[in-house]
Amino acid sequence: MMSGSQLWAVDVYGRGFSLWAAEGRWRRAADLLLELKRVTGSQHCCWGIGCDHQVYLHVYPSQVPIRHQEETYENQRWNPVEGYTDTLLPTDRWQWTDELGLNPQPLHSFVLPSANWEWEGDWYADDESCGRESSETGGWEYAVDFPATFTKEKKWNSCVRRRRWLRYRRYKALGSWAKVPLDRARPPPEPFTDISCGGWDMSDSPEKHIYLWAVSQQGKLWFRTGIRQQNPEGTRWEPIQVPREVAQVSAGPKDLLWVVLWDGQLLSRTGISKDCPKGSSWELVHPPNQKGAVHVAVGINVVWAVTKDNKVWFRRGVNSHNPTGSGWISIGGEMVMLSVGPNDQVWGVGSDDRTVYFRHGVTATEVTGRSWVAVSAQLDGSESTNHSSVRVRSEASVFAGEVTAPSQGSVLGCDDTDIPKPRVPKITSDSFISALVSDRSAPAPDPPSAAHPNVPEDNQVTSQESDSSILSPSSLSDGSETPWSNVDLEEMKGSVPSSARSSVATYPIELQHNTVVQEELPPWAWVTGGGCDIDSSSHVDLFNISDPGPLSPSITPALSALDTDTRTKGAQQERDASIEKSVRVTRGCMCWWRDWTPHQWEDVSVTLEQVTGAGAQTGDILYLYYTHDQEKKYLYAVIKEVTALVPVFRDSLYTVAVYMPERTKQRSPILLATPSQQDFNTWLSLLNESCCASRGLGEHPSKQALWAVTCKGDVMVHEPSPSLEAPAQYLPCDHMFWRQVPAHLLCVESNSLGVVWGIAHDHTAWVYTGGGRGPSAQGNENLNQAISDVRSVYIYENQRWNPMTGYTDKGLPTDRYMWSDASGLRECTKDNTSPPSPQWTWVSDWAVDYGVPGGTDKEGWQYAADFPVTFHGYKTMKDFVRRRRWARKCEISLTGPWQKVPPIALTDVTVLPCLAQCSLEQVPVWAISEKGDVLCRLGVTTNNPAGNSWLHVGTDQPFKSICIGGGHQVWAIARDSAVFYRGSVSAHNPAGECWYHIPSPPKQTLRQVSVGRTSVYAVDENSNLWYRQGLTPSYPQGSAWELISSNVCKVSVGPLDQVWIIADKVPGYPSESSGTVCHRLGVKPMQPKGLSWDFGIGGGWEHLSVRGNSTEAQRVTPRSPMPSRTQSQVNGNVVGC
């Protein structure tokens, strides 16, 4: 808390108190006759509404006086007889005017605006109007005529002259409450019932303007103009149009303004700026619950509210770009009102005990704080007695384990029976406060001894004793216990000596004959923290906390009357109940790609708002605030709707692509970038954690997860739900959430037992060990290991032949770049080509690549008739162009839960798909080496996913694709595109016996195969998807191929025969969206080919594996009983699941 910070509060008797950080005690206002209802503070002054419904102002004392300069101009004209005189022409301005001469301003027209001002001296002529000293001229300025420019020099044609007269008035009511006068020559506004000031931080100028808002009894809203440092009272009141009657108003230090309506609805003011402080329009905001709002408190970027049931609520997403916010969050505690300080610190008054509370733990990140803490300051001033005891209220009694009612106090002493404790009422309505501070012709320092306020039946219980008097705090010291009459008493449950309630803290205080008896704190009615500037990192003694747990607000007096154990148990229950939702905010600056004209990067402010706590159903939200055409705008993304966070590297910026369902369909994700890799990693990790937490996902993927790989080598996973394969209400593909797993691979395969294998670009095999797999199951928690991958970056050197010089790098104007990528559309030279991202580093130099498909000559050249046609490795008479590919290797290093499987380099791998409830001693894993050999991994289990050794399976030729399906069905494709089926494969004979040749589709060559439980799919070199017909247990090789679809890159068939593909081109989507995840719909046992495709996320996805997803959809009707049959033996293998 800053040394100059000041907290103001008003008790139920209308007495105003201030609390300075340096003093730590409540000090009553010097004006004992003043009774206030509402107060609102800033860092320089405090405003209030008195019991007479008039506005009062308290300006804090300062060494610099508040002075206001009044000025007027004396005008004269020259004539040949008298010289310069005050006799002017009829067309001239008045003798005394303002600077422009438009308004008359004689000296006697200047009067003090109120009794709070005084003149510092008389009028005097300003002799420095032109900025230099001139005692000879007397301050006169000369000109040809009044509209002309005035100068100090008198010329022969100077027919008119003028000089400025000054007089200063000084504000004399510093440090005291002074009534703000009514506007002169204007009808007085209606009596005010609420007031709020703000806006002083709206401008960066040294002179701070304060904007004052007030609510009248008729529900109208008023705005005070002209308030500044030299004129603290302002100029006049102006009405503001509001569609409904207003009950309460709250203004923030900047451009936020909210009001509460009579019907409990809320309005937010939009369009407020330093050029338009009154705003432009209203937006309706519904209350948090059906009971309606009764109070709202506004800060810089926060809005708090209290409903009619005294519940506290926090408004999410509030910002100057979005003043209305996005939703309400329930916060623990019950309050009657709240106040927000300059740093969004929150103060409140408890609903039961009327104690001033402070929201502990509010920071720029934890915007809702963690707990309510009672302010432990005492009243300044005490009474002396002759008792030989010391009675001091301990702060620790409120905060350290033992909880007592703050309104009663907890004392230390050797004699607690001298001064009996009064019973504290439970004040249930503001009607009681209004009655106590009602209008009086002659207010007294203390409340009257008899008062009978009119109490509404729906808000307050009427008293049964009409002849009783109100108990005032000053009557507590006479030793008598005066009953409360106007309000219901909350009866004590028991009478316990004060020693049982003594604090656990002790203070070494010297005993004196004159004992200090601490006066009890009064029930508070209002508090304002607008002028209380608290640094969240500073140490404030007024609300120190020894117990880090949340503290219960508004502890009832009955609770403090119980014994220590019962009271501690009740306090713990209050703590548990107070652990509600909280909001954590992370702010930063990023670059956002505007995907419409002018298509450029824009600097934006990014805010991630996360909700935590019990029952937090509302998800986290990501906000993007930007300015377009000098208009504040914003975008937002609900984290629970984010479908993927894909890191990319674009325009030398570290970029993350944020996908959502609609943007997934449009192939237009939100692109956010940072120039620093550290900032990028921080934000990406934060967004990933938020996405996973909003969906209840763990740190590691489950065994049923779907795995995918992008063209950048990023590994993505999706946690399936039963609705993913539901026949009726399936989960659309564009709603699937994909998250990244630390790795860099070329392909990944898995099964439902948790065995996951992957192959990197350098053909190294890896197995996943996270989530209880592998060594983690044996108690080894250090799962992350160093992961590396090496890949090649390719560029092409292009040349064209001409009769004079042969092949040169001089091409035609229509030719591609002479150094380009594979498409020829982008120029790529050796110098300007970089690794895929800054995570990669070069590990070799550029070299000619001789392993290009189609072959090369001895120098690495390929030839063709023109660039768009197919290239070959030999030169003919018609080949006018040639190219050769250059390669350079780069390496990436990272850490993750993966284990390397040496030493054989692999090109393809497959794992047996099965149901999750299946029990296998060894999990079959087949692979193809870089040389084309077929391998079978032995010793693979869930605890040892890497296995023990490789078993070589004999083949007549090298292979390129292999897959094992249900019932140990092994299908493979050779490099010459011949299809084979491995017979007699079983758990006891993992390598099988022999290969059966399967005919390929007519005139097609297959490149990839995938086998499910009873289905076999394959993809040919022309990207066509084929289905194998006629598979039966007795004839597992099938009978024929059937064309299903085109534009398919890869296919994956799951253990339930579900079919997923990576599509090359999707109808209705942008042409550049190659590599799209698609799901085959309508797949059933009687319809294994399905009916249609559902398109999901896409744009650079190369591999997909659904072979671990054995989560069956919930059946609406019970499954019909399966007929009993014996399993058929085919080639020594049981075909079935």
Foldseek 3Di string as FASTA:
>chain_A
DDQQFKWWFAFLLQWIWIAGQVVLFTETAPPLQWGFDAKADAQFKIWTQTLVLFIKIAGADDPDFQKDKDKKKAKWFQDPPPGTDLDDDPPAAHRIGHLLRPGHDDPVVDDDQDPQKDWPDDKAWDQQPPNDHDPPQRQKWFDLGSVDDTDSDDDPNGGMIMTMIMTMMTGRNHRHMDTQDAAPPDDGDARWDEKEKAAQPQDPDPKGFIKMWTAHPQQWIWIFAADTRNRNSGHHIDTDDDPARFDYKEDENHQWIKTAGPLQKIKTAAQDHPVRNPGDDIDTDGDQDPQHWDEWEDYAFWIWTAGLVQWIKTAAPDHNLRNRGDHIFTFFAGFPYWYAAHQRWIWTAHQFQLFIWTQAADDPFQPRHAAIFTQQHAHPDFDWDQDFKAWDFDSQLCFPLHHARQQQTAIDIDDQPQFDTEAGARDFDCQSSSQSRHDDPRGDSWTDQAGQGDDDPVTFDAFPDRPGGADTLVPRPVRDHGDHTGHDHDDAPAADGSVQSHGPDDDPDDTDSIYTDTGGDHNTDYMYSHNRDDDSPDDRPRGDHPDPAHWAPNDHNNLNRDGRVSSSVVRVVSSVSRFTKTKTKDKDWWWWFDPDPVGDIDIWIKMWIQIDTPPPLQAIKIKTWDADPNRTHIDMDGLLQWAEWDWAQPPQWTWTFTAGLVCLQQVHTIIITDNDPVVSVVVLVVSLVRSCVSVVHDPDAALQWKWFAFLQQWIKIFHDDQQCFDQPRHDFQARTHIYTAPAGFDFWAHAQLNWIWTAHQVLWIKTFAPDCFACVVVVDPPQKDKYKGKDKDKKKAKWFQDPPPGTDLDDDPPAAHRIGHLVSPGHDDQVPDDPRHPQKDFDFHKDWDQPDPQGAPPRQKWWDLGVVDDTHHDDDPNTGMIMTMIITMIMGMDMHRMDTQDDFRFQEKEWEYDANPDDDPATWMWTATPQQWIWIAAQDDRNHSSGDDIDTADDPAGWREWYAEALRWIWTARPQQWIWTAFQDASVRPRGDDIDTADDAPPWRWRYWEYEQQWIWTATPQQWIWTAAAADLQRNSGDHIDTQGGQFQAWEAANQLWIKTQGQADPPYDNQFHGWIKTAHQDDPVRSSGDDIRTHGTHRIHYIYSHHNPSHHDDPDDDDDDDDDDFDAYRNTGRGD
